[in-house]
Amino acid sequence: MEVLPVMSMRTFIRAILAAILSAAIGLIGFLLLQSQEKEIWATITGLLAVIAAVISSFPALRVLELQDDALRPQPTPYFDLSSRYQFLQLRVKNIGPSVAYDVRLRWKTRPRNFEGEEITALDNIPALLPNESVSVNVGTSMEFVPKYADTLFEGEVHCKDSNGKPINHQFFCSTQGHLRRLVHDDELPRTLYDLQKIPGQLEKIVNALDNLRDGRQE
């Protein structure tokens, strides 16, 4: 049996409630026009109770929808400039509180990496835990942030929750907001980047000392 999408199920429930409400109001009008007997007032009272129950169910339904939204997985693509120094990454992170299964990205406009190839590595992800993310390298941030600043990359995310219910939502990502903003809150990424150069410099010193020692021995 196919599971209805979340939005279709919500629309279906609201349509049923609206139909019940309309039918009850219409029946009251019909009874008032057709007869003025005292017996119909008991029926009308019952219909008014139905109308009151339907009207009061809409806020309760909205609360349930909000609770359902709060528990849904939400894989979200975005450009990440801060995780690696001077590198721009395309990252998909599950910002929802539950596991996202069978995550699929469907791009309308697809970004390209530093080699000019379309980025497809994130199109299909088997599963993403809450706050888990995967990423691919786009290129250097100095080159690609200005290059992509005027481009809005958009598409749809399709995934399933733990019950197998399909979840779909649109996404938009751009580098425009990073043009005039600080990428990092402190100098730690730059420090870690510079520290990676120390082993290479030490190797050069060792080689120079070895060459100096060999020259003296000759």
N, C-alpha and C. Protein backbone atom coordinates (compact mmCIF):
# COMPACT_ATOMS: atom_id res chain seq x y z
N MET A 1 0.85 -1.20 0.00
CA MET A 1 0.00 0.00 0.00
C MET A 1 0.87 1.24 0.00
N GLU A 2 0.60 2.15 -0.93
CA GLU A 2 1.41 3.36 -1.05
C GLU A 2 1.04 4.35 0.05
N VAL A 3 2.07 4.93 0.69
CA VAL A 3 1.85 5.93 1.73
C VAL A 3 1.68 7.29 1.10
N LEU A 4 0.62 8.01 1.47
CA LEU A 4 0.40 9.33 0.93
C LEU A 4 1.46 10.30 1.43
N PRO A 5 1.92 11.25 0.59
CA PRO A 5 2.83 12.28 1.06
C PRO A 5 2.21 13.07 2.19
N VAL A 6 3.07 13.68 3.02
CA VAL A 6 2.60 14.39 4.21
C VAL A 6 1.62 15.49 3.84
N MET A 7 1.94 16.30 2.85
CA MET A 7 1.08 17.42 2.51
C MET A 7 -0.24 16.94 1.93
N SER A 8 -0.24 15.87 1.15
CA SER A 8 -1.48 15.35 0.58
C SER A 8 -2.39 14.81 1.68
N MET A 9 -1.83 14.14 2.67
CA MET A 9 -2.63 13.63 3.77
C MET A 9 -3.25 14.77 4.56
N ARG A 10 -2.49 15.81 4.81
CA ARG A 10 -3.03 16.96 5.54
C ARG A 10 -4.16 17.62 4.75
N THR A 11 -3.96 17.79 3.46
CA THR A 11 -5.00 18.39 2.62
C THR A 11 -6.25 17.53 2.61
N PHE A 12 -6.06 16.21 2.58
CA PHE A 12 -7.20 15.30 2.58
C PHE A 12 -8.02 15.43 3.87
N ILE A 13 -7.33 15.49 5.01
CA ILE A 13 -8.04 15.61 6.30
C ILE A 13 -8.77 16.94 6.38
N ARG A 14 -8.13 18.01 5.94
CA ARG A 14 -8.79 19.31 5.98
C ARG A 14 -9.99 19.34 5.04
N ALA A 15 -9.88 18.67 3.90
CA ALA A 15 -11.00 18.63 2.96
C ALA A 15 -12.19 17.88 3.56
N ILE A 16 -11.91 16.78 4.28
CA ILE A 16 -12.98 16.03 4.94
C ILE A 16 -13.69 16.88 5.99
N LEU A 17 -12.91 17.59 6.80
CA LEU A 17 -13.50 18.44 7.83
C LEU A 17 -14.32 19.57 7.21
N ALA A 18 -13.78 20.16 6.14
CA ALA A 18 -14.51 21.23 5.47
C ALA A 18 -15.82 20.72 4.87
N ALA A 19 -15.78 19.49 4.33
CA ALA A 19 -16.99 18.91 3.75
C ALA A 19 -18.04 18.65 4.83
N ILE A 20 -17.60 18.15 5.98
CA ILE A 20 -18.54 17.91 7.08
C ILE A 20 -19.15 19.22 7.56
N LEU A 21 -18.32 20.25 7.67
CA LEU A 21 -18.79 21.56 8.11
C LEU A 21 -19.81 22.13 7.13
N SER A 22 -19.50 22.04 5.85
CA SER A 22 -20.41 22.57 4.82
C SER A 22 -21.73 21.80 4.81
N ALA A 23 -21.63 20.47 4.95
CA ALA A 23 -22.85 19.65 4.93
C ALA A 23 -23.73 19.97 6.13
N ALA A 24 -23.13 20.16 7.30
CA ALA A 24 -23.91 20.47 8.50
C ALA A 24 -24.60 21.83 8.37
N ILE A 25 -23.88 22.84 7.86
CA ILE A 25 -24.49 24.17 7.69
C ILE A 25 -25.60 24.11 6.65
N GLY A 26 -25.35 23.38 5.56
CA GLY A 26 -26.37 23.27 4.53
C GLY A 26 -27.62 22.55 5.03
N LEU A 27 -27.42 21.51 5.83
CA LEU A 27 -28.57 20.77 6.36
C LEU A 27 -29.39 21.63 7.32
N ILE A 28 -28.73 22.45 8.12
CA ILE A 28 -29.45 23.36 9.02
C ILE A 28 -30.31 24.33 8.21
N GLY A 29 -29.71 24.90 7.17
CA GLY A 29 -30.48 25.81 6.33
C GLY A 29 -31.66 25.13 5.67
N PHE A 30 -31.46 23.89 5.22
CA PHE A 30 -32.54 23.15 4.59
C PHE A 30 -33.68 22.89 5.57
N LEU A 31 -33.33 22.48 6.80
CA LEU A 31 -34.37 22.19 7.80
C LEU A 31 -35.15 23.44 8.18
N LEU A 32 -34.47 24.56 8.28
CA LEU A 32 -35.16 25.80 8.64
C LEU A 32 -36.11 26.27 7.54
N LEU A 33 -35.75 26.01 6.31
CA LEU A 33 -36.59 26.42 5.19
C LEU A 33 -37.78 25.49 4.99
N GLN A 34 -37.59 24.19 5.29
CA GLN A 34 -38.62 23.21 5.00
C GLN A 34 -39.66 23.08 6.10
N SER A 35 -39.27 23.35 7.32
CA SER A 35 -40.21 23.09 8.42
C SER A 35 -39.89 23.98 9.61
N GLN A 36 -40.95 24.32 10.36
CA GLN A 36 -40.79 25.10 11.58
C GLN A 36 -41.25 24.31 12.79
N GLU A 37 -41.36 22.99 12.64
CA GLU A 37 -41.82 22.15 13.74
C GLU A 37 -40.78 22.12 14.86
N LYS A 38 -41.27 21.90 16.06
CA LYS A 38 -40.38 21.89 17.22
C LYS A 38 -39.40 20.73 17.16
N GLU A 39 -39.80 19.63 16.46
CA GLU A 39 -38.93 18.45 16.46
C GLU A 39 -37.59 18.71 15.75
N ILE A 40 -37.61 19.64 14.81
CA ILE A 40 -36.36 19.86 14.05
C ILE A 40 -35.30 20.54 14.89
N TRP A 41 -35.72 21.21 16.00
CA TRP A 41 -34.73 21.93 16.80
C TRP A 41 -33.77 20.98 17.50
N ALA A 42 -34.22 19.78 17.80
CA ALA A 42 -33.30 18.79 18.38
C ALA A 42 -32.23 18.40 17.36
N THR A 43 -32.68 18.23 16.10
CA THR A 43 -31.74 17.91 15.03
C THR A 43 -30.77 19.06 14.79
N ILE A 44 -31.31 20.27 14.77
CA ILE A 44 -30.44 21.43 14.56
C ILE A 44 -29.43 21.58 15.69
N THR A 45 -29.87 21.31 16.92
CA THR A 45 -28.94 21.38 18.06
C THR A 45 -27.79 20.39 17.89
N GLY A 46 -28.13 19.18 17.41
CA GLY A 46 -27.09 18.18 17.17
C GLY A 46 -26.13 18.62 16.08
N LEU A 47 -26.71 19.23 15.01
CA LEU A 47 -25.85 19.72 13.91
C LEU A 47 -24.95 20.86 14.38
N LEU A 48 -25.47 21.73 15.21
CA LEU A 48 -24.64 22.81 15.76
C LEU A 48 -23.49 22.26 16.60
N ALA A 49 -23.76 21.17 17.30
CA ALA A 49 -22.69 20.53 18.08
C ALA A 49 -21.62 19.98 17.16
N VAL A 50 -22.06 19.40 16.02
CA VAL A 50 -21.10 18.90 15.03
C VAL A 50 -20.25 20.04 14.48
N ILE A 51 -20.93 21.16 14.15
CA ILE A 51 -20.20 22.32 13.63
C ILE A 51 -19.18 22.82 14.64
N ALA A 52 -19.58 22.91 15.90
CA ALA A 52 -18.65 23.37 16.94
C ALA A 52 -17.47 22.42 17.07
N ALA A 53 -17.73 21.11 16.98
CA ALA A 53 -16.65 20.13 17.10
C ALA A 53 -15.68 20.24 15.94
N VAL A 54 -16.22 20.43 14.72
CA VAL A 54 -15.36 20.55 13.54
C VAL A 54 -14.49 21.80 13.64
N ILE A 55 -15.12 22.93 14.02
CA ILE A 55 -14.36 24.19 14.13
C ILE A 55 -13.26 24.07 15.17
N SER A 56 -13.57 23.44 16.30
CA SER A 56 -12.55 23.30 17.36
C SER A 56 -11.46 22.31 16.96
N SER A 57 -11.71 21.45 15.98
CA SER A 57 -10.71 20.47 15.58
C SER A 57 -9.60 21.09 14.73
N PHE A 58 -9.87 22.22 14.07
CA PHE A 58 -8.85 22.84 13.22
C PHE A 58 -7.63 23.30 14.02
N PRO A 59 -7.78 24.01 15.15
CA PRO A 59 -6.58 24.34 15.94
C PRO A 59 -5.84 23.10 16.45
N ALA A 60 -6.60 22.08 16.86
CA ALA A 60 -5.95 20.85 17.32
C ALA A 60 -5.19 20.18 16.20
N LEU A 61 -5.76 20.21 14.98
CA LEU A 61 -5.07 19.64 13.82
C LEU A 61 -3.79 20.40 13.52
N ARG A 62 -3.85 21.72 13.66
CA ARG A 62 -2.66 22.53 13.41
C ARG A 62 -1.55 22.21 14.42
N VAL A 63 -1.92 21.99 15.67
CA VAL A 63 -0.94 21.63 16.70
C VAL A 63 -0.28 20.30 16.34
N LEU A 64 -1.08 19.34 15.90
CA LEU A 64 -0.53 18.04 15.51
C LEU A 64 0.40 18.18 14.31
N GLU A 65 0.05 19.05 13.37
CA GLU A 65 0.91 19.27 12.21
C GLU A 65 2.25 19.87 12.62
N LEU A 66 2.21 20.83 13.55
CA LEU A 66 3.45 21.44 14.02
C LEU A 66 4.32 20.43 14.76
N GLN A 67 3.69 19.57 15.57
CA GLN A 67 4.44 18.53 16.27
C GLN A 67 5.06 17.54 15.27
N ASP A 68 4.30 17.21 14.24
CA ASP A 68 4.81 16.30 13.21
C ASP A 68 5.99 16.92 12.47
N ASP A 69 5.88 18.22 12.14
CA ASP A 69 6.97 18.91 11.45
C ASP A 69 8.23 18.95 12.32
N ALA A 70 8.05 19.12 13.62
CA ALA A 70 9.20 19.22 14.53
C ALA A 70 9.96 17.90 14.63
N LEU A 71 9.31 16.79 14.33
CA LEU A 71 9.94 15.48 14.45
C LEU A 71 10.46 14.95 13.12
N ARG A 72 10.21 15.66 12.04
CA ARG A 72 10.59 15.17 10.72
C ARG A 72 12.08 15.36 10.47
N PRO A 73 12.73 14.45 9.73
CA PRO A 73 14.10 14.70 9.27
C PRO A 73 14.10 15.82 8.24
N GLN A 74 15.19 16.54 8.15
CA GLN A 74 15.25 17.66 7.22
C GLN A 74 16.65 17.79 6.63
N PRO A 75 16.99 16.96 5.65
CA PRO A 75 18.28 17.12 4.97
C PRO A 75 18.29 18.43 4.18
N THR A 76 19.35 19.21 4.37
CA THR A 76 19.40 20.54 3.77
C THR A 76 20.76 20.78 3.12
N PRO A 77 20.81 21.05 1.81
CA PRO A 77 22.08 21.40 1.16
C PRO A 77 22.44 22.87 1.41
N TYR A 78 23.73 23.14 1.56
CA TYR A 78 24.19 24.52 1.69
C TYR A 78 25.67 24.58 1.39
N PHE A 79 26.16 25.79 1.11
CA PHE A 79 27.59 26.00 0.87
C PHE A 79 28.27 26.27 2.21
N ASP A 80 29.34 25.52 2.45
CA ASP A 80 30.07 25.60 3.72
C ASP A 80 31.44 26.20 3.47
N LEU A 81 31.69 27.38 4.05
CA LEU A 81 32.99 28.04 3.91
C LEU A 81 33.85 27.93 5.15
N SER A 82 33.27 27.57 6.28
CA SER A 82 33.97 27.69 7.55
C SER A 82 34.65 26.41 8.02
N SER A 83 34.26 25.26 7.50
CA SER A 83 34.81 24.01 8.02
C SER A 83 36.28 23.82 7.64
N ARG A 84 36.64 24.25 6.45
CA ARG A 84 38.02 24.13 5.99
C ARG A 84 38.52 25.48 5.52
N TYR A 85 39.73 25.79 5.90
CA TYR A 85 40.30 27.10 5.59
C TYR A 85 40.51 27.26 4.08
N GLN A 86 39.94 28.33 3.52
CA GLN A 86 40.08 28.73 2.12
C GLN A 86 39.40 27.77 1.15
N PHE A 87 38.57 26.86 1.64
CA PHE A 87 37.88 25.94 0.76
C PHE A 87 36.38 26.12 0.86
N LEU A 88 35.73 26.01 -0.29
CA LEU A 88 34.27 26.04 -0.35
C LEU A 88 33.78 24.61 -0.57
N GLN A 89 32.88 24.18 0.31
CA GLN A 89 32.31 22.84 0.21
C GLN A 89 30.81 22.92 0.00
N LEU A 90 30.29 21.95 -0.71
CA LEU A 90 28.85 21.76 -0.78
C LEU A 90 28.51 20.66 0.21
N ARG A 91 27.64 20.98 1.16
CA ARG A 91 27.36 20.06 2.26
C ARG A 91 25.86 19.80 2.36
N VAL A 92 25.50 18.58 2.70
CA VAL A 92 24.12 18.22 3.00
C VAL A 92 24.07 17.78 4.45
N LYS A 93 23.30 18.50 5.26
CA LYS A 93 23.20 18.22 6.69
C LYS A 93 21.76 17.98 7.08
N ASN A 94 21.54 16.97 7.91
CA ASN A 94 20.21 16.68 8.43
C ASN A 94 20.00 17.53 9.68
N ILE A 95 19.26 18.63 9.55
CA ILE A 95 19.03 19.52 10.69
C ILE A 95 17.78 19.12 11.46
N GLY A 96 17.13 18.04 11.07
CA GLY A 96 15.98 17.55 11.78
C GLY A 96 16.37 16.63 12.93
N PRO A 97 15.42 16.27 13.82
CA PRO A 97 15.73 15.47 15.00
C PRO A 97 15.65 13.96 14.79
N SER A 98 15.37 13.51 13.56
CA SER A 98 15.25 12.07 13.32
C SER A 98 16.05 11.69 12.07
N VAL A 99 16.24 10.39 11.89
CA VAL A 99 17.08 9.89 10.80
C VAL A 99 16.38 10.08 9.46
N ALA A 100 17.13 10.53 8.46
CA ALA A 100 16.61 10.65 7.10
C ALA A 100 17.16 9.49 6.27
N TYR A 101 16.27 8.75 5.63
CA TYR A 101 16.65 7.61 4.82
C TYR A 101 16.43 7.91 3.34
N ASP A 102 17.28 7.29 2.52
CA ASP A 102 17.15 7.38 1.05
C ASP A 102 17.04 8.84 0.61
N VAL A 103 18.04 9.62 0.98
CA VAL A 103 18.04 11.05 0.65
C VAL A 103 18.44 11.22 -0.82
N ARG A 104 17.62 11.94 -1.57
CA ARG A 104 17.89 12.18 -2.98
C ARG A 104 17.72 13.67 -3.29
N LEU A 105 18.70 14.24 -3.96
CA LEU A 105 18.65 15.64 -4.38
C LEU A 105 18.29 15.71 -5.85
N ARG A 106 17.36 16.59 -6.18
CA ARG A 106 16.97 16.82 -7.57
C ARG A 106 17.16 18.31 -7.85
N TRP A 107 18.24 18.63 -8.58
CA TRP A 107 18.63 20.01 -8.82
C TRP A 107 17.92 20.60 -10.03
N LYS A 108 17.51 21.85 -9.93
CA LYS A 108 17.09 22.61 -11.10
C LYS A 108 18.30 23.29 -11.73
N THR A 109 19.15 23.83 -10.87
CA THR A 109 20.42 24.42 -11.29
C THR A 109 21.51 23.75 -10.48
N ARG A 110 22.46 23.12 -11.16
CA ARG A 110 23.46 22.31 -10.47
C ARG A 110 24.82 23.02 -10.46
N PRO A 111 25.49 23.11 -9.29
CA PRO A 111 26.83 23.72 -9.25
C PRO A 111 27.89 22.81 -9.85
N ARG A 112 28.99 23.42 -10.25
CA ARG A 112 30.14 22.69 -10.79
C ARG A 112 31.34 22.90 -9.89
N ASN A 113 32.25 21.93 -9.86
CA ASN A 113 33.43 22.01 -9.01
C ASN A 113 34.58 22.70 -9.74
N PHE A 114 35.75 22.70 -9.11
CA PHE A 114 36.92 23.40 -9.65
C PHE A 114 37.41 22.80 -10.96
N GLU A 115 37.00 21.57 -11.28
CA GLU A 115 37.37 20.94 -12.53
C GLU A 115 36.34 21.16 -13.63
N GLY A 116 35.29 21.92 -13.30
CA GLY A 116 34.24 22.19 -14.28
C GLY A 116 33.22 21.09 -14.41
N GLU A 117 33.26 20.10 -13.51
CA GLU A 117 32.34 18.97 -13.57
C GLU A 117 31.12 19.25 -12.69
N GLU A 118 29.96 18.79 -13.14
CA GLU A 118 28.76 18.91 -12.32
C GLU A 118 28.90 18.06 -11.06
N ILE A 119 28.48 18.61 -9.93
CA ILE A 119 28.60 17.91 -8.65
C ILE A 119 27.40 16.96 -8.50
N THR A 120 27.68 15.68 -8.53
CA THR A 120 26.62 14.66 -8.43
C THR A 120 26.83 13.71 -7.25
N ALA A 121 27.93 13.86 -6.52
CA ALA A 121 28.28 12.90 -5.47
C ALA A 121 27.28 12.89 -4.32
N LEU A 122 26.52 13.99 -4.16
CA LEU A 122 25.57 14.08 -3.05
C LEU A 122 24.13 13.80 -3.47
N ASP A 123 23.94 13.38 -4.71
CA ASP A 123 22.58 13.19 -5.22
C ASP A 123 21.84 12.06 -4.51
N ASN A 124 22.56 11.05 -4.06
CA ASN A 124 21.93 9.91 -3.39
C ASN A 124 22.72 9.56 -2.13
N ILE A 125 22.07 9.69 -0.98
CA ILE A 125 22.69 9.40 0.32
C ILE A 125 21.82 8.37 1.03
N PRO A 126 22.36 7.20 1.39
CA PRO A 126 21.53 6.15 2.00
C PRO A 126 20.84 6.58 3.29
N ALA A 127 21.57 7.29 4.17
CA ALA A 127 20.98 7.70 5.45
C ALA A 127 21.80 8.83 6.05
N LEU A 128 21.11 9.70 6.80
CA LEU A 128 21.76 10.78 7.54
C LEU A 128 21.17 10.83 8.94
N LEU A 129 22.03 10.66 9.94
CA LEU A 129 21.60 10.78 11.32
C LEU A 129 21.32 12.25 11.65
N PRO A 130 20.62 12.53 12.75
CA PRO A 130 20.42 13.92 13.15
C PRO A 130 21.75 14.64 13.33
N ASN A 131 21.89 15.81 12.73
CA ASN A 131 23.10 16.65 12.76
C ASN A 131 24.28 16.04 12.00
N GLU A 132 24.08 14.92 11.34
CA GLU A 132 25.14 14.34 10.51
C GLU A 132 25.14 15.03 9.15
N SER A 133 26.33 15.13 8.54
CA SER A 133 26.42 15.77 7.24
C SER A 133 27.48 15.08 6.39
N VAL A 134 27.37 15.25 5.09
CA VAL A 134 28.38 14.81 4.13
C VAL A 134 28.66 15.97 3.20
N SER A 135 29.86 16.01 2.65
CA SER A 135 30.23 17.17 1.83
C SER A 135 31.19 16.76 0.72
N VAL A 136 31.30 17.64 -0.27
CA VAL A 136 32.28 17.49 -1.35
C VAL A 136 32.94 18.84 -1.56
N ASN A 137 34.16 18.81 -2.09
CA ASN A 137 34.90 20.04 -2.32
C ASN A 137 34.44 20.68 -3.63
N VAL A 138 34.15 21.99 -3.55
CA VAL A 138 33.79 22.74 -4.76
C VAL A 138 35.03 23.41 -5.33
N GLY A 139 35.81 24.03 -4.47
CA GLY A 139 37.03 24.71 -4.90
C GLY A 139 37.46 25.71 -3.86
N THR A 140 38.38 26.59 -4.21
CA THR A 140 38.84 27.60 -3.27
C THR A 140 37.74 28.65 -3.07
N SER A 141 37.61 29.10 -1.83
CA SER A 141 36.54 30.04 -1.52
C SER A 141 36.75 31.39 -2.20
N MET A 142 38.01 31.83 -2.36
CA MET A 142 38.28 33.12 -2.98
C MET A 142 37.83 33.15 -4.43
N GLU A 143 37.87 31.99 -5.09
CA GLU A 143 37.48 31.94 -6.50
C GLU A 143 35.98 31.70 -6.68
N PHE A 144 35.43 30.78 -5.91
CA PHE A 144 34.08 30.33 -6.19
C PHE A 144 32.99 31.14 -5.49
N VAL A 145 33.30 31.78 -4.37
CA VAL A 145 32.27 32.60 -3.72
C VAL A 145 31.87 33.76 -4.63
N PRO A 146 32.80 34.54 -5.18
CA PRO A 146 32.37 35.58 -6.12
C PRO A 146 31.76 35.01 -7.40
N LYS A 147 32.28 33.88 -7.85
CA LYS A 147 31.79 33.28 -9.09
C LYS A 147 30.32 32.86 -8.98
N TYR A 148 29.93 32.33 -7.83
CA TYR A 148 28.58 31.82 -7.65
C TYR A 148 27.65 32.81 -6.94
N ALA A 149 28.15 34.03 -6.67
CA ALA A 149 27.36 34.98 -5.88
C ALA A 149 26.05 35.36 -6.55
N ASP A 150 26.03 35.40 -7.87
CA ASP A 150 24.83 35.82 -8.60
C ASP A 150 23.97 34.63 -9.04
N THR A 151 24.31 33.44 -8.58
CA THR A 151 23.57 32.24 -8.99
C THR A 151 22.84 31.64 -7.80
N LEU A 152 21.55 31.38 -7.98
CA LEU A 152 20.75 30.72 -6.96
C LEU A 152 20.58 29.25 -7.36
N PHE A 153 21.14 28.37 -6.57
CA PHE A 153 21.02 26.95 -6.84
C PHE A 153 19.81 26.42 -6.07
N GLU A 154 18.93 25.75 -6.78
CA GLU A 154 17.70 25.30 -6.15
C GLU A 154 17.31 23.91 -6.64
N GLY A 155 16.41 23.29 -5.90
CA GLY A 155 15.94 21.96 -6.27
C GLY A 155 15.02 21.42 -5.18
N GLU A 156 14.90 20.11 -5.15
CA GLU A 156 14.05 19.45 -4.17
C GLU A 156 14.81 18.32 -3.48
N VAL A 157 14.53 18.16 -2.20
CA VAL A 157 15.06 17.04 -1.42
C VAL A 157 13.94 16.02 -1.23
N HIS A 158 14.24 14.77 -1.55
CA HIS A 158 13.30 13.68 -1.32
C HIS A 158 13.95 12.70 -0.36
N CYS A 159 13.23 12.33 0.69
CA CYS A 159 13.75 11.35 1.64
C CYS A 159 12.59 10.63 2.31
N LYS A 160 12.91 9.73 3.24
CA LYS A 160 11.90 9.00 3.99
C LYS A 160 12.25 9.03 5.46
N ASP A 161 11.23 8.99 6.32
CA ASP A 161 11.48 8.92 7.75
C ASP A 161 11.57 7.47 8.17
N SER A 162 11.65 7.22 9.47
CA SER A 162 11.83 5.86 9.98
C SER A 162 10.63 4.96 9.70
N ASN A 163 9.48 5.56 9.41
CA ASN A 163 8.28 4.78 9.08
C ASN A 163 8.12 4.56 7.58
N GLY A 164 9.07 5.04 6.81
CA GLY A 164 8.98 4.91 5.37
C GLY A 164 8.10 5.95 4.70
N LYS A 165 7.68 6.97 5.45
CA LYS A 165 6.81 8.01 4.89
C LYS A 165 7.65 8.97 4.04
N PRO A 166 7.25 9.21 2.80
CA PRO A 166 8.01 10.14 1.95
C PRO A 166 7.93 11.57 2.47
N ILE A 167 9.04 12.27 2.41
CA ILE A 167 9.11 13.68 2.83
C ILE A 167 9.82 14.45 1.72
N ASN A 168 9.20 15.50 1.25
CA ASN A 168 9.76 16.31 0.18
C ASN A 168 9.74 17.78 0.58
N HIS A 169 10.81 18.49 0.25
CA HIS A 169 10.80 19.93 0.46
C HIS A 169 11.80 20.58 -0.49
N GLN A 170 11.55 21.84 -0.80
CA GLN A 170 12.43 22.59 -1.69
C GLN A 170 13.63 23.13 -0.92
N PHE A 171 14.71 23.38 -1.64
CA PHE A 171 15.89 23.99 -1.02
C PHE A 171 16.44 25.06 -1.96
N PHE A 172 17.14 26.01 -1.35
CA PHE A 172 17.82 27.08 -2.07
C PHE A 172 19.17 27.30 -1.39
N CYS A 173 20.22 27.43 -2.17
CA CYS A 173 21.52 27.74 -1.58
C CYS A 173 22.29 28.66 -2.52
N SER A 174 23.06 29.56 -1.92
CA SER A 174 23.81 30.56 -2.67
C SER A 174 25.00 31.01 -1.84
N THR A 175 25.98 31.59 -2.51
CA THR A 175 27.14 32.15 -1.81
C THR A 175 27.05 33.65 -1.67
N GLN A 176 25.96 34.25 -2.13
CA GLN A 176 25.83 35.71 -2.13
C GLN A 176 25.97 36.30 -0.73
N GLY A 177 25.40 35.62 0.26
CA GLY A 177 25.45 36.16 1.61
C GLY A 177 26.83 36.15 2.24
N HIS A 178 27.80 35.49 1.62
CA HIS A 178 29.14 35.39 2.19
C HIS A 178 30.12 36.39 1.59
N LEU A 179 29.68 37.22 0.67
CA LEU A 179 30.62 38.11 -0.03
C LEU A 179 31.28 39.10 0.91
N ARG A 180 30.53 39.69 1.83
CA ARG A 180 31.07 40.74 2.70
C ARG A 180 30.97 40.38 4.18
N ARG A 181 30.95 39.08 4.45
CA ARG A 181 30.85 38.64 5.84
C ARG A 181 32.12 37.89 6.25
N LEU A 182 32.39 37.92 7.56
CA LEU A 182 33.50 37.14 8.08
C LEU A 182 33.18 35.65 7.96
N VAL A 183 34.13 34.89 7.48
CA VAL A 183 33.92 33.45 7.32
C VAL A 183 34.08 32.73 8.64
N HIS A 184 35.12 33.09 9.41
CA HIS A 184 35.42 32.42 10.68
C HIS A 184 35.27 33.40 11.83
N ASP A 185 34.88 32.89 12.98
CA ASP A 185 34.72 33.72 14.17
C ASP A 185 36.04 33.97 14.88
N ASP A 186 37.06 33.14 14.63
CA ASP A 186 38.38 33.32 15.25
C ASP A 186 39.44 32.86 14.27
N GLU A 187 40.70 32.87 14.72
CA GLU A 187 41.83 32.53 13.85
C GLU A 187 42.22 31.07 13.92
N LEU A 188 41.43 30.24 14.62
CA LEU A 188 41.79 28.83 14.77
C LEU A 188 41.92 28.10 13.44
N PRO A 189 40.98 28.25 12.49
CA PRO A 189 41.16 27.55 11.20
C PRO A 189 42.45 27.92 10.49
N ARG A 190 42.82 29.22 10.53
CA ARG A 190 44.08 29.65 9.89
C ARG A 190 45.28 29.05 10.64
N THR A 191 45.20 29.02 11.96
CA THR A 191 46.29 28.45 12.76
C THR A 191 46.48 26.97 12.45
N LEU A 192 45.39 26.24 12.40
CA LEU A 192 45.48 24.81 12.09
C LEU A 192 46.02 24.59 10.68
N TYR A 193 45.62 25.48 9.76
CA TYR A 193 46.12 25.38 8.39
C TYR A 193 47.63 25.59 8.35
N ASP A 194 48.12 26.60 9.08
CA ASP A 194 49.56 26.87 9.09
C ASP A 194 50.33 25.76 9.81
N LEU A 195 49.72 25.16 10.83
CA LEU A 195 50.41 24.09 11.54
C LEU A 195 50.66 22.87 10.65
N GLN A 196 49.83 22.70 9.66
CA GLN A 196 50.03 21.57 8.74
C GLN A 196 51.31 21.71 7.91
N LYS A 197 51.83 22.92 7.83
CA LYS A 197 53.05 23.15 7.06
C LYS A 197 54.31 22.81 7.84
N ILE A 198 54.19 22.67 9.16
CA ILE A 198 55.39 22.44 9.99
C ILE A 198 56.13 21.16 9.62
N PRO A 199 55.44 20.01 9.44
CA PRO A 199 56.20 18.79 9.08
C PRO A 199 57.03 18.95 7.81
N GLY A 200 56.48 19.64 6.81
CA GLY A 200 57.24 19.85 5.57
C GLY A 200 58.47 20.71 5.80
N GLN A 201 58.30 21.76 6.62
CA GLN A 201 59.44 22.63 6.89
C GLN A 201 60.51 21.90 7.70
N LEU A 202 60.06 21.07 8.66
CA LEU A 202 61.03 20.29 9.44
C LEU A 202 61.79 19.31 8.55
N GLU A 203 61.09 18.73 7.57
CA GLU A 203 61.76 17.81 6.65
C GLU A 203 62.82 18.53 5.82
N LYS A 204 62.52 19.77 5.42
CA LYS A 204 63.51 20.55 4.69
C LYS A 204 64.74 20.84 5.55
N ILE A 205 64.51 21.15 6.83
CA ILE A 205 65.64 21.44 7.73
C ILE A 205 66.50 20.20 7.91
N VAL A 206 65.82 19.04 8.10
CA VAL A 206 66.57 17.79 8.25
C VAL A 206 67.38 17.49 7.00
N ASN A 207 66.80 17.68 5.83
CA ASN A 207 67.53 17.43 4.58
C ASN A 207 68.72 18.37 4.43
N ALA A 208 68.50 19.64 4.82
CA ALA A 208 69.61 20.60 4.73
C ALA A 208 70.74 20.22 5.68
N LEU A 209 70.41 19.78 6.89
CA LEU A 209 71.43 19.35 7.85
C LEU A 209 72.15 18.11 7.35
N ASP A 210 71.40 17.17 6.74
CA ASP A 210 72.02 15.96 6.19
C ASP A 210 72.99 16.33 5.06
N ASN A 211 72.57 17.25 4.19
CA ASN A 211 73.44 17.66 3.11
C ASN A 211 74.69 18.35 3.63
N LEU A 212 74.52 19.19 4.69
CA LEU A 212 75.66 19.88 5.29
C LEU A 212 76.62 18.89 5.91
N ARG A 213 76.09 17.88 6.60
CA ARG A 213 76.93 16.86 7.23
C ARG A 213 77.67 16.05 6.17
N ASP A 214 76.99 15.68 5.09
CA ASP A 214 77.63 14.91 4.02
C ASP A 214 78.73 15.73 3.35
N GLY A 215 78.50 17.05 3.24
CA GLY A 215 79.51 17.90 2.62
C GLY A 215 80.75 18.00 3.49
N ARG A 216 80.57 18.03 4.80
CA ARG A 216 81.73 18.10 5.69
C ARG A 216 82.54 16.78 5.68
N GLN A 217 81.78 15.68 5.57
CA GLN A 217 82.45 14.39 5.57
C GLN A 217 83.30 14.20 4.31
N GLU A 218 82.87 14.78 3.20
CA GLU A 218 83.64 14.68 1.97
C GLU A 218 84.91 15.52 2.06
